[in-house]
Protein backbone atom coordinates (compact mmCIF):
# COMPACT_ATOMS: atom_id res chain seq x y z
CA MET A 1 174.44 107.42 -142.51
CA ARG A 2 173.85 103.73 -143.15
CA ASN A 3 170.95 101.52 -144.14
CA ASP A 4 169.62 98.76 -141.92
CA GLN A 5 168.80 95.22 -143.05
CA PHE A 6 165.39 96.37 -144.28
CA GLY A 7 166.87 99.11 -146.46
CA TYR A 8 165.92 102.00 -144.19
CA GLU A 9 168.33 104.77 -143.27
CA VAL A 10 169.69 104.86 -139.70
CA THR A 11 171.63 107.80 -138.34
CA VAL A 12 174.75 105.93 -137.28
CA SER A 13 178.14 106.13 -138.93
CA SER A 14 179.80 103.25 -137.09
CA PRO A 15 179.68 99.96 -139.01
CA VAL A 16 179.94 98.12 -135.68
CA ALA A 17 176.87 99.96 -134.36
CA ALA A 18 174.93 99.31 -137.58
CA GLU A 19 175.69 95.60 -137.47
CA ALA A 20 174.81 95.36 -133.77
CA TRP A 21 171.53 97.19 -134.43
CA ASP A 22 170.51 94.65 -137.06
CA LYS A 23 171.41 91.79 -134.72
CA MET A 24 169.49 93.41 -131.88
CA VAL A 25 166.34 93.77 -133.96
CA LEU A 26 166.34 90.10 -134.94
CA ALA A 27 167.12 89.04 -131.38
CA PHE A 28 164.21 91.12 -130.10
CA LEU A 29 161.88 89.55 -132.65
CA ALA A 30 163.00 86.11 -131.42
CA HIS A 31 162.70 87.07 -127.72
CA GLY A 32 166.41 86.34 -127.56
CA ALA A 33 168.45 86.68 -124.38
CA SER A 34 171.15 88.42 -126.43
CA THR A 35 168.95 91.48 -127.14
CA PRO A 36 170.36 93.75 -124.39
CA GLU A 37 173.93 92.74 -125.25
CA HIS A 38 173.51 93.89 -128.85
CA LEU A 39 171.73 97.07 -127.74
CA GLY A 40 174.58 97.80 -125.36
CA THR A 41 177.02 97.57 -128.24
CA VAL A 42 174.94 99.99 -130.28
CA LEU A 43 174.84 102.56 -127.49
CA LYS A 44 178.55 102.20 -126.82
CA GLU A 45 179.48 102.70 -130.46
CA ALA A 46 176.79 105.32 -131.22
CA PRO A 47 175.99 107.10 -127.92
CA ASP A 48 173.96 109.80 -129.69
CA PHE A 49 171.71 107.38 -131.61
CA ALA A 50 168.33 108.63 -130.36
CA MET A 51 166.29 105.69 -131.61
CA ALA A 52 168.47 103.21 -129.69
CA HIS A 53 167.91 105.13 -126.44
CA ALA A 54 164.17 105.26 -127.17
CA VAL A 55 164.00 101.53 -127.83
CA LYS A 56 165.88 100.88 -124.60
CA GLY A 57 163.28 102.94 -122.72
CA LEU A 58 160.40 101.10 -124.37
CA PHE A 59 161.98 97.75 -123.47
CA LEU A 60 162.24 98.89 -119.84
CA LEU A 61 158.59 99.96 -119.71
CA MET A 62 157.47 96.58 -121.02
CA LEU A 63 159.11 94.96 -117.99
CA GLY A 64 156.46 96.55 -115.74
CA ARG A 65 158.75 97.33 -112.80
CA ARG A 66 158.44 100.51 -110.76
CA GLU A 67 162.18 100.79 -110.15
CA LEU A 68 162.81 100.87 -113.90
CA MET A 69 160.57 103.88 -114.53
CA ASP A 70 163.38 106.28 -113.63
CA THR A 71 165.76 104.37 -115.90
CA ALA A 72 163.26 104.63 -118.74
CA GLN A 73 163.01 108.38 -118.09
CA GLU A 74 166.80 108.56 -118.28
CA ALA A 75 166.70 106.74 -121.60
CA TYR A 76 164.16 109.28 -122.87
CA ALA A 77 166.35 112.16 -121.72
CA ALA A 78 169.35 110.56 -123.43
CA ALA A 79 167.31 110.19 -126.62
CA LEU A 80 166.43 113.88 -126.58
CA VAL A 81 170.04 114.90 -125.97
CA GLY A 82 171.20 112.54 -128.70
CA ALA A 83 168.63 114.02 -131.07
CA GLU A 84 170.16 117.46 -130.57
CA ARG A 85 173.65 116.20 -131.37
CA VAL A 86 172.80 113.85 -134.25
CA VAL A 87 169.47 114.79 -135.77
CA PRO A 88 167.29 111.68 -136.23
CA ASN A 89 165.24 111.07 -139.32
CA ALA A 90 161.45 111.15 -139.16
CA ARG A 91 161.15 107.40 -138.66
CA GLU A 92 163.55 107.39 -135.74
CA MET A 93 161.80 110.31 -134.03
CA GLY A 94 158.59 108.29 -133.98
CA PHE A 95 160.22 105.92 -131.49
CA VAL A 96 161.29 108.84 -129.31
CA ARG A 97 157.77 110.25 -129.26
CA GLY A 98 156.39 106.78 -128.59
CA LEU A 99 158.53 106.46 -125.48
CA GLY A 100 157.52 109.91 -124.28
CA ALA A 101 153.84 109.10 -124.66
CA TRP A 102 154.10 105.90 -122.62
CA LEU A 103 156.07 107.66 -119.88
CA GLU A 104 153.17 110.12 -119.65
CA GLY A 105 150.71 107.27 -119.19
CA ARG A 106 149.45 107.01 -122.77
CA PRO A 107 150.70 103.75 -124.31
CA SER A 108 147.87 103.92 -126.85
CA GLU A 109 149.72 106.89 -128.34
CA THR A 110 152.86 104.75 -128.46
CA ILE A 111 150.90 102.41 -130.69
CA GLN A 112 149.78 105.34 -132.85
CA GLU A 113 153.41 106.36 -133.32
CA MET A 114 154.33 102.82 -134.37
CA GLU A 115 151.41 102.72 -136.80
CA ALA A 116 152.48 106.06 -138.29
CA ILE A 117 155.95 104.60 -138.86
CA LEU A 118 154.53 101.46 -140.48
CA ALA A 119 152.33 103.52 -142.78
CA ARG A 120 155.46 104.99 -144.39
CA TRP A 121 158.01 102.28 -143.63
CA PRO A 122 156.01 99.04 -143.43
CA GLU A 123 159.09 96.80 -143.23
CA ASP A 124 160.29 98.39 -140.00
CA ALA A 125 160.12 95.17 -137.98
CA MET A 126 161.03 96.94 -134.74
CA ALA A 127 157.99 99.20 -135.03
CA MET A 128 155.88 96.19 -135.98
CA LYS A 129 156.95 94.19 -132.93
CA ILE A 130 156.78 97.07 -130.44
CA GLY A 131 153.28 97.89 -131.63
CA HIS A 132 152.34 94.22 -131.38
CA ALA A 133 153.79 93.91 -127.87
CA THR A 134 152.16 97.11 -126.65
CA ARG A 135 148.77 96.06 -127.97
CA PHE A 136 149.27 92.72 -126.20
CA ILE A 137 149.89 94.54 -122.92
CA LEU A 138 146.71 96.58 -123.48
CA GLY A 139 144.64 93.54 -124.49
CA ASP A 140 143.94 94.77 -128.03
CA CYS A 141 143.87 91.52 -129.98
CA LYS A 142 141.86 92.92 -132.89
CA GLY A 143 144.32 95.78 -133.25
CA MET A 144 147.22 93.32 -133.17
CA ARG A 145 145.76 91.43 -136.06
CA ALA A 146 144.83 94.49 -138.13
CA SER A 147 148.31 95.95 -137.73
CA ILE A 148 150.06 92.78 -138.83
CA GLU A 149 147.74 92.16 -141.75
CA ALA A 150 148.29 95.70 -143.00
CA VAL A 151 152.01 95.08 -143.52
CA LEU A 152 151.96 91.38 -144.46
CA PRO A 153 151.98 91.99 -148.25
CA THR A 154 155.18 94.04 -148.04
CA TYR A 155 157.36 91.32 -146.48
CA ASP A 156 158.73 89.30 -149.38
CA ALA A 157 160.85 86.16 -149.21
CA LYS A 158 164.06 88.20 -148.88
CA ASN A 159 162.95 90.03 -145.76
CA PRO A 160 164.90 88.66 -142.76
CA ALA A 161 161.95 89.33 -140.44
CA ARG A 162 159.34 87.52 -142.54
CA GLY A 163 159.21 84.43 -140.34
CA TYR A 164 158.79 86.50 -137.18
CA LEU A 165 156.01 88.48 -138.86
CA PHE A 166 154.18 85.23 -139.56
CA GLY A 167 154.66 84.30 -135.90
CA CYS A 168 153.02 87.55 -134.82
CA HIS A 169 150.23 86.96 -137.31
CA ALA A 170 149.73 83.46 -135.91
CA PHE A 171 149.33 84.81 -132.40
CA SER A 172 146.90 87.53 -133.41
CA LEU A 173 144.87 85.01 -135.43
CA GLU A 174 144.69 82.68 -132.43
CA GLU A 175 143.64 85.48 -130.08
CA THR A 176 140.83 86.43 -132.48
CA GLY A 177 139.59 82.84 -132.78
CA GLU A 178 140.99 81.86 -136.20
CA TYR A 179 142.59 78.69 -134.89
CA SER A 180 143.20 76.79 -138.12
CA ARG A 181 144.78 79.78 -139.86
CA ALA A 182 146.82 80.53 -136.74
CA GLU A 183 148.33 77.07 -136.73
CA THR A 184 149.25 77.34 -140.40
CA ALA A 185 150.85 80.76 -139.95
CA GLY A 186 152.77 79.65 -136.86
CA ARG A 187 154.18 76.58 -138.55
CA LEU A 188 155.18 78.66 -141.57
CA GLY A 189 156.87 81.26 -139.40
CA LEU A 190 158.90 78.63 -137.57
CA SER A 191 159.96 77.04 -140.84
CA LEU A 192 161.37 80.39 -141.98
CA SER A 193 162.83 81.42 -138.60
CA PRO A 194 163.66 78.32 -136.52
CA ASP A 195 164.20 80.45 -133.41
CA ASP A 196 160.74 82.08 -133.62
CA ALA A 197 159.60 81.21 -130.11
CA TRP A 198 156.60 83.55 -130.41
CA GLY A 199 155.24 81.71 -133.42
CA LEU A 200 155.92 78.33 -131.85
CA HIS A 201 154.06 79.41 -128.73
CA ALA A 202 151.17 80.73 -130.85
CA VAL A 203 150.63 77.20 -132.14
CA ALA A 204 150.74 75.95 -128.55
CA HIS A 205 147.95 78.43 -127.80
CA VAL A 206 145.90 76.92 -130.61
CA PHE A 207 146.10 73.48 -129.04
CA ASP A 208 145.19 74.95 -125.64
CA MET A 209 142.17 76.80 -127.01
CA THR A 210 140.93 73.78 -128.94
CA GLY A 211 141.26 71.35 -126.03
CA ASN A 212 143.90 69.22 -127.71
CA ALA A 213 146.62 68.93 -125.08
CA ARG A 214 148.08 65.72 -126.46
CA ALA A 215 148.67 67.31 -129.86
CA GLY A 216 150.14 70.33 -128.09
CA LEU A 217 152.66 68.17 -126.28
CA SER A 218 153.60 66.51 -129.54
CA TRP A 219 154.10 69.95 -131.08
CA LEU A 220 156.46 71.13 -128.34
CA ASP A 221 158.38 67.89 -127.83
CA GLY A 222 161.64 67.97 -129.78
CA ARG A 223 161.39 71.68 -130.60
CA GLU A 224 163.10 72.94 -127.46
CA HIS A 225 165.77 74.61 -129.63
CA ALA A 226 163.14 77.14 -130.69
CA TRP A 227 162.95 78.61 -127.19
CA ALA A 228 166.24 77.58 -125.52
CA HIS A 229 167.87 80.84 -126.68
CA CYS A 230 165.14 83.02 -125.18
CA ASN A 231 165.13 85.45 -122.30
CA ASN A 232 162.58 84.70 -119.58
CA PHE A 233 160.05 83.95 -122.31
CA ARG A 234 161.42 80.41 -122.27
CA TYR A 235 159.80 79.91 -118.85
CA HIS A 236 156.47 80.81 -120.40
CA VAL A 237 156.79 78.16 -123.10
CA TRP A 238 157.53 75.57 -120.41
CA TRP A 239 154.42 76.88 -118.63
CA HIS A 240 152.35 76.06 -121.68
CA LYS A 241 153.74 72.54 -121.68
CA ALA A 242 152.84 72.18 -117.99
CA LEU A 243 149.26 73.28 -118.74
CA MET A 244 149.00 70.53 -121.31
CA HIS A 245 150.19 67.93 -118.82
CA LEU A 246 147.69 69.28 -116.29
CA ASP A 247 144.85 68.83 -118.75
CA GLN A 248 145.99 65.23 -119.22
CA GLY A 249 146.03 64.67 -115.46
CA GLU A 250 149.80 64.12 -115.48
CA ILE A 251 150.46 65.94 -112.24
CA ASP A 252 153.96 64.59 -111.62
CA ALA A 253 155.02 66.02 -114.97
CA VAL A 254 153.47 69.38 -114.05
CA PHE A 255 155.41 69.61 -110.80
CA ASP A 256 158.59 68.49 -112.49
CA LEU A 257 158.33 71.27 -115.07
CA TYR A 258 157.40 73.78 -112.38
CA ASP A 259 160.43 72.94 -110.25
CA THR A 260 163.03 72.36 -112.96
CA GLU A 261 162.03 74.92 -115.60
CA ILE A 262 159.23 77.35 -114.77
CA ARG A 263 160.47 78.42 -111.33
CA SER A 264 163.95 76.93 -111.24
CA ASP A 265 165.60 80.37 -111.31
CA LYS A 266 163.30 82.08 -108.76
CA THR A 267 163.17 85.23 -110.90
CA ASP A 268 161.05 88.24 -109.93
CA ASP A 269 159.88 89.31 -113.41
CA PHE A 270 156.11 89.78 -113.29
CA ARG A 271 155.65 87.47 -116.26
CA ASP A 272 157.44 84.69 -114.40
CA ILE A 273 155.38 85.33 -111.26
CA SER A 274 152.22 85.18 -113.35
CA ASN A 275 153.32 81.82 -114.80
CA GLY A 276 153.86 80.40 -111.34
CA SER A 277 150.79 81.90 -109.68
CA ALA A 278 148.39 80.92 -112.45
CA LEU A 279 149.69 77.35 -112.55
CA LEU A 280 149.55 76.84 -108.79
CA MET A 281 146.04 78.29 -108.66
CA ARG A 282 144.86 75.96 -111.43
CA LEU A 283 146.31 73.03 -109.49
CA GLU A 284 144.62 74.07 -106.27
CA LEU A 285 141.28 74.56 -108.00
CA ASP A 286 141.58 70.93 -109.06
CA GLY A 287 142.15 69.93 -105.43
CA ILE A 288 145.87 69.26 -105.79
CA ASN A 289 148.21 70.06 -102.90
CA VAL A 290 151.05 72.27 -104.16
CA GLY A 291 153.13 72.01 -100.99
CA ASP A 292 155.12 75.10 -100.02
CA ARG A 293 155.50 76.39 -103.58
CA TRP A 294 153.45 79.53 -102.90
CA GLU A 295 156.01 80.76 -100.38
CA GLU A 296 158.72 82.02 -102.71
CA LEU A 297 156.14 83.64 -105.02
CA ALA A 298 154.55 85.37 -102.04
CA ASP A 299 157.94 86.54 -100.74
CA ILE A 300 158.62 88.26 -104.07
CA SER A 301 155.09 89.62 -104.38
CA GLU A 302 155.26 91.21 -100.93
CA ARG A 303 157.99 93.44 -102.31
CA ARG A 304 155.82 94.36 -105.31
CA THR A 305 152.63 95.56 -103.65
CA GLU A 306 153.35 99.20 -104.61
CA ASP A 307 154.52 98.60 -108.20
CA ALA A 308 151.38 99.95 -109.89
CA CYS A 309 152.79 99.54 -113.42
CA LEU A 310 150.51 96.93 -115.00
CA VAL A 311 147.14 95.65 -113.78
CA PHE A 312 147.97 92.19 -115.11
CA ALA A 313 151.06 92.11 -112.89
CA ASP A 314 149.20 93.44 -109.85
CA LEU A 315 146.54 90.75 -110.07
CA HIS A 316 149.12 87.97 -110.18
CA TYR A 317 151.09 89.44 -107.29
CA LEU A 318 147.83 89.51 -105.35
CA MET A 319 147.11 85.91 -106.34
CA ALA A 320 150.50 84.85 -104.98
CA LEU A 321 149.92 86.71 -101.72
CA ILE A 322 146.55 85.01 -101.31
CA GLY A 323 148.06 81.63 -102.12
CA GLY A 324 150.83 82.26 -99.59
CA ASP A 325 148.34 83.41 -96.94
CA ARG A 326 149.99 86.83 -96.55
CA THR A 327 146.98 88.56 -95.01
CA GLU A 328 148.70 91.82 -94.12
CA ALA A 329 150.30 92.17 -97.56
CA VAL A 330 146.92 91.48 -99.20
CA ARG A 331 145.34 94.19 -97.07
CA ARG A 332 148.12 96.62 -97.93
CA MET A 333 147.92 95.89 -101.63
CA MET A 334 144.14 96.18 -101.72
CA GLY A 335 144.42 99.59 -100.09
CA ARG A 336 146.83 100.77 -102.76
CA LEU A 337 144.66 99.34 -105.55
CA GLN A 338 141.60 101.16 -104.18
CA ARG A 339 143.49 104.46 -103.98
CA ASP A 340 144.84 104.10 -107.49
CA ALA A 341 141.42 103.20 -108.88
CA ARG A 342 140.00 106.46 -107.50
CA ASN A 343 142.84 108.52 -108.99
CA THR A 344 142.78 107.56 -112.66
CA THR A 345 143.80 111.01 -114.03
CA ALA A 346 144.99 110.55 -117.63
CA ASP A 347 146.93 107.37 -116.98
CA GLU A 348 145.56 104.62 -119.20
CA MET A 349 146.91 101.85 -116.98
CA LYS A 350 145.21 103.35 -113.93
CA ALA A 351 141.96 103.47 -115.88
CA ARG A 352 142.25 99.74 -116.42
CA LEU A 353 142.71 99.34 -112.70
CA ALA A 354 139.40 101.07 -112.07
CA THR A 355 137.68 98.81 -114.62
CA PRO A 356 138.05 95.84 -114.45
CA GLY A 357 141.08 95.58 -112.16
CA LEU A 358 139.58 96.51 -108.81
CA SER A 359 136.58 94.21 -109.19
CA ALA A 360 138.87 91.33 -110.15
CA ALA A 361 141.14 92.06 -107.18
CA THR A 362 138.18 92.23 -104.79
CA GLY A 363 136.97 88.92 -106.13
CA LEU A 364 140.40 87.35 -105.64
CA GLU A 365 140.56 88.60 -102.07
CA ALA A 366 137.09 87.25 -101.29
CA PHE A 367 137.93 83.88 -102.85
CA GLY A 368 140.97 83.62 -100.63
CA GLU A 369 138.77 84.32 -97.60
CA GLY A 370 136.24 81.67 -98.62
CA ASP A 371 133.53 84.25 -99.32
CA TYR A 372 132.47 82.73 -102.62
CA LYS A 373 129.35 84.83 -103.12
CA THR A 374 131.34 88.06 -102.95
CA ALA A 375 134.07 86.48 -105.05
CA PHE A 376 131.63 85.52 -107.79
CA LEU A 377 129.80 88.84 -107.83
CA ASN A 378 133.07 90.76 -108.25
CA LEU A 379 134.84 88.37 -110.61
CA GLY A 380 131.64 88.14 -112.64
CA ARG A 381 131.47 91.93 -112.82
CA ALA A 382 135.06 92.11 -114.05
CA ARG A 383 134.71 89.24 -116.47
CA ARG A 384 133.30 91.05 -119.51
CA SER A 385 136.19 93.50 -119.63
CA MET A 386 139.08 91.33 -118.42
CA GLN A 387 140.60 91.64 -121.89
CA LEU A 388 141.67 95.13 -120.82
CA VAL A 389 144.16 93.83 -118.25
CA GLY A 390 146.23 92.43 -121.11
CA GLY A 391 147.74 89.02 -121.63
CA SER A 392 146.31 86.18 -123.66
CA HIS A 393 143.15 84.09 -123.44
CA ALA A 394 145.24 81.28 -121.95
CA GLN A 395 146.72 83.57 -119.30
CA ARG A 396 143.37 85.09 -118.34
CA ASP A 397 141.74 81.67 -118.15
CA VAL A 398 142.78 81.35 -114.51
CA PHE A 399 140.40 84.23 -113.73
CA GLU A 400 137.68 82.53 -115.75
CA ARG A 401 138.21 79.35 -113.73
CA LEU A 402 138.12 81.28 -110.47
CA THR A 403 134.87 82.92 -111.57
CA ILE A 404 133.30 79.56 -112.42
CA ASP A 405 134.50 77.89 -109.24
CA SER A 406 133.28 80.83 -107.15
CA ALA A 407 129.87 80.51 -108.77
CA ILE A 408 129.71 76.79 -108.08
CA ARG A 409 130.89 77.11 -104.49
CA GLY A 410 128.58 80.07 -103.92
CA GLY A 411 125.53 78.22 -105.25
CA PHE A 412 125.19 80.14 -108.53
CA LEU A 413 125.00 76.97 -110.56
CA ASP A 414 123.06 78.34 -113.50
CA ASP A 415 125.50 81.24 -113.83
CA ALA A 416 128.45 78.85 -113.69
CA GLU A 417 126.89 76.76 -116.43
CA VAL A 418 126.36 79.80 -118.66
CA ILE A 419 129.98 80.88 -118.27
CA LEU A 420 131.17 77.36 -119.00
CA GLN A 421 129.09 77.31 -122.16
CA GLU A 422 130.52 80.66 -123.26
CA ARG A 423 134.03 79.39 -122.52
CA LEU A 424 133.27 76.27 -124.56
CA THR A 425 132.10 78.35 -127.52
CA GLN A 426 135.28 80.42 -127.43
CA ARG A 427 137.28 77.19 -127.47
CA ALA A 428 135.81 75.86 -130.70
CA GLY A 429 133.32 73.69 -128.84
CA ARG A 430 136.05 71.38 -127.52
CA LEU A 431 135.85 70.29 -123.88
CA ASP A 432 139.02 70.34 -121.85
CA ALA A 433 139.42 68.42 -118.59
CA TYR A 434 138.56 71.45 -116.46
CA ALA A 435 135.25 72.17 -118.21
CA SER A 436 134.27 68.51 -118.32
CA ALA A 437 134.79 68.16 -114.56
CA ARG A 438 132.82 71.33 -113.80
CA PHE A 439 129.88 70.38 -116.01
CA ASP A 440 129.75 67.05 -114.17
CA LEU A 441 129.94 68.79 -110.81
CA ILE A 442 127.09 71.13 -111.68
CA ALA A 443 124.95 68.26 -112.91
CA GLU A 444 125.60 66.32 -109.70
CA SER A 445 124.85 69.37 -107.56
CA LYS A 446 121.60 70.11 -109.34
CA GLY A 447 120.58 66.49 -109.06
CA GLY A 448 121.32 66.52 -105.35
CA TRP A 449 119.24 69.62 -104.86
CA LYS A 450 116.33 68.05 -106.73
CA GLN A 451 116.53 64.93 -104.57
CA ALA A 452 116.55 67.10 -101.45
CA GLY A 453 113.43 68.90 -102.62
CA ARG A 454 115.25 72.18 -103.20
CA LEU A 455 114.61 72.18 -106.94
CA PRO A 456 111.47 71.02 -108.72
CA ALA A 457 111.83 67.73 -110.56
CA GLU A 458 111.74 67.98 -114.33
């Protein structure tokens, strides 16, 4: 038996495995590309280490890919076999149970297992981050914040994960509207852990949500080292930078980042597809021709119509198919979504497909067909519970924009104005370029109607 870097016992005897485990935990906290390499070393040196197999399975589930479900099941089976050969301690078994719960369609129980671990072992940074990430996937921003704040007092200056904890706190503060505190926490986290890409990106979120794109660009410029080491998360940070350029009207810079960073590798990870789809849709809503860039996203998404792992992923695959004008694939995917929504059973992800996923998908389909009334009615119905599809406010904003634009194009001007006002309130009362243009468009449209005698003069 050995102790990890937080002082907790781990059931491995190999010093190589113990060292690799500590490195893997820190790499995971930093979204580092080296995470699987370190985990591979652990499993090679300690093949019966149940917690390592469980963590591998949880990592696979977070990738939201149908073909990895069997591999995650194999990891769970390996964890159970390992637990018979080398009996895990109570903390380690919590990870095994957490994986089993998610495989059975209950990721909320995975969170409960992580919280039970943190109640007894609050400095278990792996449990902290897995709980944080799982809540993010489920759209539970309040839970994210409560979980982090419960363990904050226990992480002293000697804790190697302290900076990453502050980064997680920054993100949860931003997602719950505490923008000033979020910026402070994010900056502090990065000062303690210079590779804390999550904390750096939390501060970028603050600038997005407060309509301060220029300050956001200044924040990211020169800090590329903080995300250069990352796995595909680095594409997401570049995406944030592209959004800031879009808000400034710097379209050439947006396309340059899209082509050279965001989609340079043509990956098929759902998070990368969501980056690309959401950015191209924002551009098109602003009347900007994106050329043939939808094509490669649509090609990938056609192969993902049956994934059914995460509603967030499904909606972005559908968006890419609509953007790429893949009518048959859209029809096929909508059929699968409708079937899944009727068969929710005990699967928590399927329940999110029923509400709000199917309404959002129907709205997307209608928007692509130019039926803006149907698009608005369905997107508007989904809007109040879109948090449940997961992701961040910034990521879900593309659906908010589609809802507003559907309302405007469908003639629901008052509704569009109300949603814009609510969006403005959420964003600390700061207008971004999108909202400013839509308020102007509504005012012009209402004025035109009044002049045509369709609205009474004030």
